[in-house]
Amino acid sequence: MLARIEAGVHEREASQQQMRRFFADASHELRTPLASLRANAELYQQGALRGPDEVDEVMDRIVLETRRAWAGWLTTCCGWRASASIPASPATRST
């Protein structure tokens, strides 16, 4: 009985560690694109863009970084699901 309890505790600890890695990976995947989005939006807000061409360029970068953030998030989530050993258990992608 003690062995089963210990095994359950180890499984829970492993699951919690996997969840921490997942959130760290997700945070890492989103940090750079979000910083770029913010910087580009601030350029626009501050009136630092001198003409329609610069506005178009910044908006294109915002779209690109949004896609990059979305792709990073999906990659992290898909990797998380693919490596899950127990369906309801949090896990992370293999690194």
C-alpha atoms as a PDB file:
ATOM      1  CA  MET A   1       0.000   0.000   0.000  1.00  0.00           C
ATOM      2  CA  LEU A   2       2.819   2.372   0.865  1.00  0.00           C
ATOM      3  CA  ALA A   3       4.411   1.665  -2.521  1.00  0.00           C
ATOM      4  CA  ARG A   4       1.184   2.704  -4.294  1.00  0.00           C
ATOM      5  CA  ILE A   5       1.003   5.918  -2.289  1.00  0.00           C
ATOM      6  CA  GLU A   6       4.643   6.703  -3.066  1.00  0.00           C
ATOM      7  CA  ALA A   7       4.052   5.959  -6.751  1.00  0.00           C
ATOM      8  CA  GLY A   8       1.051   8.294  -6.726  1.00  0.00           C
ATOM      9  CA  VAL A   9       3.093  11.047  -5.092  1.00  0.00           C
ATOM     10  CA  HIS A  10       5.879  10.616  -7.668  1.00  0.00           C
ATOM     11  CA  GLU A  11       3.359  10.701 -10.522  1.00  0.00           C
ATOM     12  CA  ARG A  12       1.842  13.889  -9.145  1.00  0.00           C
ATOM     13  CA  GLU A  13       5.259  15.509  -8.734  1.00  0.00           C
ATOM     14  CA  ALA A  14       6.181  14.526 -12.310  1.00  0.00           C
ATOM     15  CA  SER A  15       2.883  15.926 -13.561  1.00  0.00           C
ATOM     16  CA  GLN A  16       3.458  19.211 -11.726  1.00  0.00           C
ATOM     17  CA  GLN A  17       6.988  19.442 -13.133  1.00  0.00           C
ATOM     18  CA  GLN A  18       5.624  18.847 -16.643  1.00  0.00           C
ATOM     19  CA  MET A  19       3.044  21.589 -16.111  1.00  0.00           C
ATOM     20  CA  ARG A  20       5.741  24.026 -14.967  1.00  0.00           C
ATOM     21  CA  ARG A  21       7.806  23.206 -18.079  1.00  0.00           C
ATOM     22  CA  PHE A  22       4.742  23.671 -20.280  1.00  0.00           C
ATOM     23  CA  PHE A  23       4.043  27.141 -18.888  1.00  0.00           C
ATOM     24  CA  ALA A  24       7.717  28.081 -19.160  1.00  0.00           C
ATOM     25  CA  ASP A  25       7.758  26.913 -22.802  1.00  0.00           C
ATOM     26  CA  ALA A  26       4.503  28.726 -23.598  1.00  0.00           C
ATOM     27  CA  SER A  27       5.779  31.892 -21.939  1.00  0.00           C
ATOM     28  CA  HIS A  28       9.025  31.703 -23.898  1.00  0.00           C
ATOM     29  CA  GLU A  29       7.212  31.134 -27.203  1.00  0.00           C
ATOM     30  CA  LEU A  30       5.008  34.188 -26.651  1.00  0.00           C
ATOM     31  CA  ARG A  31       7.443  36.646 -25.050  1.00  0.00           C
ATOM     32  CA  THR A  32       9.370  37.796 -28.146  1.00  0.00           C
ATOM     33  CA  PRO A  33       6.395  38.186 -30.506  1.00  0.00           C
ATOM     34  CA  LEU A  34       4.435  40.072 -27.848  1.00  0.00           C
ATOM     35  CA  ALA A  35       7.349  42.426 -27.195  1.00  0.00           C
ATOM     36  CA  SER A  36       7.541  43.141 -30.922  1.00  0.00           C
ATOM     37  CA  LEU A  37       3.786  43.715 -31.130  1.00  0.00           C
ATOM     38  CA  ARG A  38       3.952  46.162 -28.266  1.00  0.00           C
ATOM     39  CA  ALA A  39       6.925  48.042 -29.725  1.00  0.00           C
ATOM     40  CA  ASN A  40       5.272  48.378 -33.128  1.00  0.00           C
ATOM     41  CA  ALA A  41       1.967  49.480 -31.615  1.00  0.00           C
ATOM     42  CA  GLU A  42       3.804  52.073 -29.494  1.00  0.00           C
ATOM     43  CA  LEU A  43       5.518  53.453 -32.593  1.00  0.00           C
ATOM     44  CA  TYR A  44       2.093  53.987 -34.090  1.00  0.00           C
ATOM     45  CA  GLN A  45       0.629  55.482 -30.909  1.00  0.00           C
ATOM     46  CA  GLN A  46       3.504  57.920 -30.488  1.00  0.00           C
ATOM     47  CA  GLY A  47       3.154  59.184 -34.021  1.00  0.00           C
ATOM     48  CA  ALA A  48       6.674  58.049 -34.848  1.00  0.00           C
ATOM     49  CA  LEU A  49       5.632  56.725 -38.242  1.00  0.00           C
ATOM     50  CA  ARG A  50       6.203  59.342 -40.921  1.00  0.00           C
ATOM     51  CA  GLY A  51       3.929  58.210 -43.678  1.00  0.00           C
ATOM     52  CA  PRO A  52       1.554  55.611 -45.062  1.00  0.00           C
ATOM     53  CA  ASP A  53       4.441  53.392 -46.183  1.00  0.00           C
ATOM     54  CA  GLU A  54       5.846  53.214 -42.644  1.00  0.00           C
ATOM     55  CA  VAL A  55       2.383  52.563 -41.226  1.00  0.00           C
ATOM     56  CA  ASP A  56       1.888  49.743 -43.743  1.00  0.00           C
ATOM     57  CA  GLU A  57       5.294  48.272 -42.846  1.00  0.00           C
ATOM     58  CA  VAL A  58       4.545  48.343 -39.112  1.00  0.00           C
ATOM     59  CA  MET A  59       1.101  46.843 -39.626  1.00  0.00           C
ATOM     60  CA  ASP A  60       2.671  44.055 -41.715  1.00  0.00           C
ATOM     61  CA  ARG A  61       5.117  43.388 -38.860  1.00  0.00           C
ATOM     62  CA  ILE A  62       2.242  43.302 -36.383  1.00  0.00           C
ATOM     63  CA  VAL A  63       0.434  40.729 -38.529  1.00  0.00           C
ATOM     64  CA  LEU A  64       3.647  38.681 -38.893  1.00  0.00           C
ATOM     65  CA  GLU A  65       4.358  38.717 -35.156  1.00  0.00           C
ATOM     66  CA  THR A  66       0.749  37.822 -34.369  1.00  0.00           C
ATOM     67  CA  ARG A  67       1.066  34.781 -36.625  1.00  0.00           C
ATOM     68  CA  ARG A  68       4.403  33.936 -35.033  1.00  0.00           C
ATOM     69  CA  ALA A  69       2.915  34.124 -31.540  1.00  0.00           C
ATOM     70  CA  TRP A  70      -0.046  31.999 -32.587  1.00  0.00           C
ATOM     71  CA  ALA A  71       2.222  29.423 -34.258  1.00  0.00           C
ATOM     72  CA  GLY A  72       4.468  29.256 -31.197  1.00  0.00           C
ATOM     73  CA  TRP A  73       1.493  28.795 -28.922  1.00  0.00           C
ATOM     74  CA  LEU A  74       0.021  26.045 -31.115  1.00  0.00           C
ATOM     75  CA  THR A  75       3.375  24.294 -31.383  1.00  0.00           C
ATOM     76  CA  THR A  76       3.735  24.333 -27.623  1.00  0.00           C
ATOM     77  CA  CYS A  77       0.183  23.135 -27.042  1.00  0.00           C
ATOM     78  CA  CYS A  78       0.377  20.404 -29.673  1.00  0.00           C
ATOM     79  CA  GLY A  79       3.675  19.192 -28.273  1.00  0.00           C
ATOM     80  CA  TRP A  80       2.127  19.250 -24.832  1.00  0.00           C
ATOM     81  CA  ARG A  81      -0.788  17.072 -25.902  1.00  0.00           C
ATOM     82  CA  ALA A  82       1.410  14.697 -27.916  1.00  0.00           C
ATOM     83  CA  SER A  83       3.666  13.978 -24.952  1.00  0.00           C
ATOM     84  CA  ALA A  84       0.904  13.564 -22.365  1.00  0.00           C
ATOM     85  CA  SER A  85       1.077  10.125 -20.804  1.00  0.00           C
ATOM     86  CA  ILE A  86      -2.272  10.474 -19.052  1.00  0.00           C
ATOM     87  CA  PRO A  87      -5.076  12.236 -20.980  1.00  0.00           C
ATOM     88  CA  ALA A  88      -6.006  14.656 -18.192  1.00  0.00           C
ATOM     89  CA  SER A  89      -2.425  15.123 -17.026  1.00  0.00           C
ATOM     90  CA  PRO A  90      -0.473  18.278 -17.927  1.00  0.00           C
ATOM     91  CA  ALA A  91       2.699  17.567 -19.902  1.00  0.00           C
ATOM     92  CA  THR A  92       5.117  19.386 -22.152  1.00  0.00           C
ATOM     93  CA  ARG A  93       6.643  18.878 -25.504  1.00  0.00           C
ATOM     94  CA  SER A  94       9.954  17.072 -25.680  1.00  0.00           C
ATOM     95  CA  THR A  95      12.909  19.423 -25.753  1.00  0.00           C
END
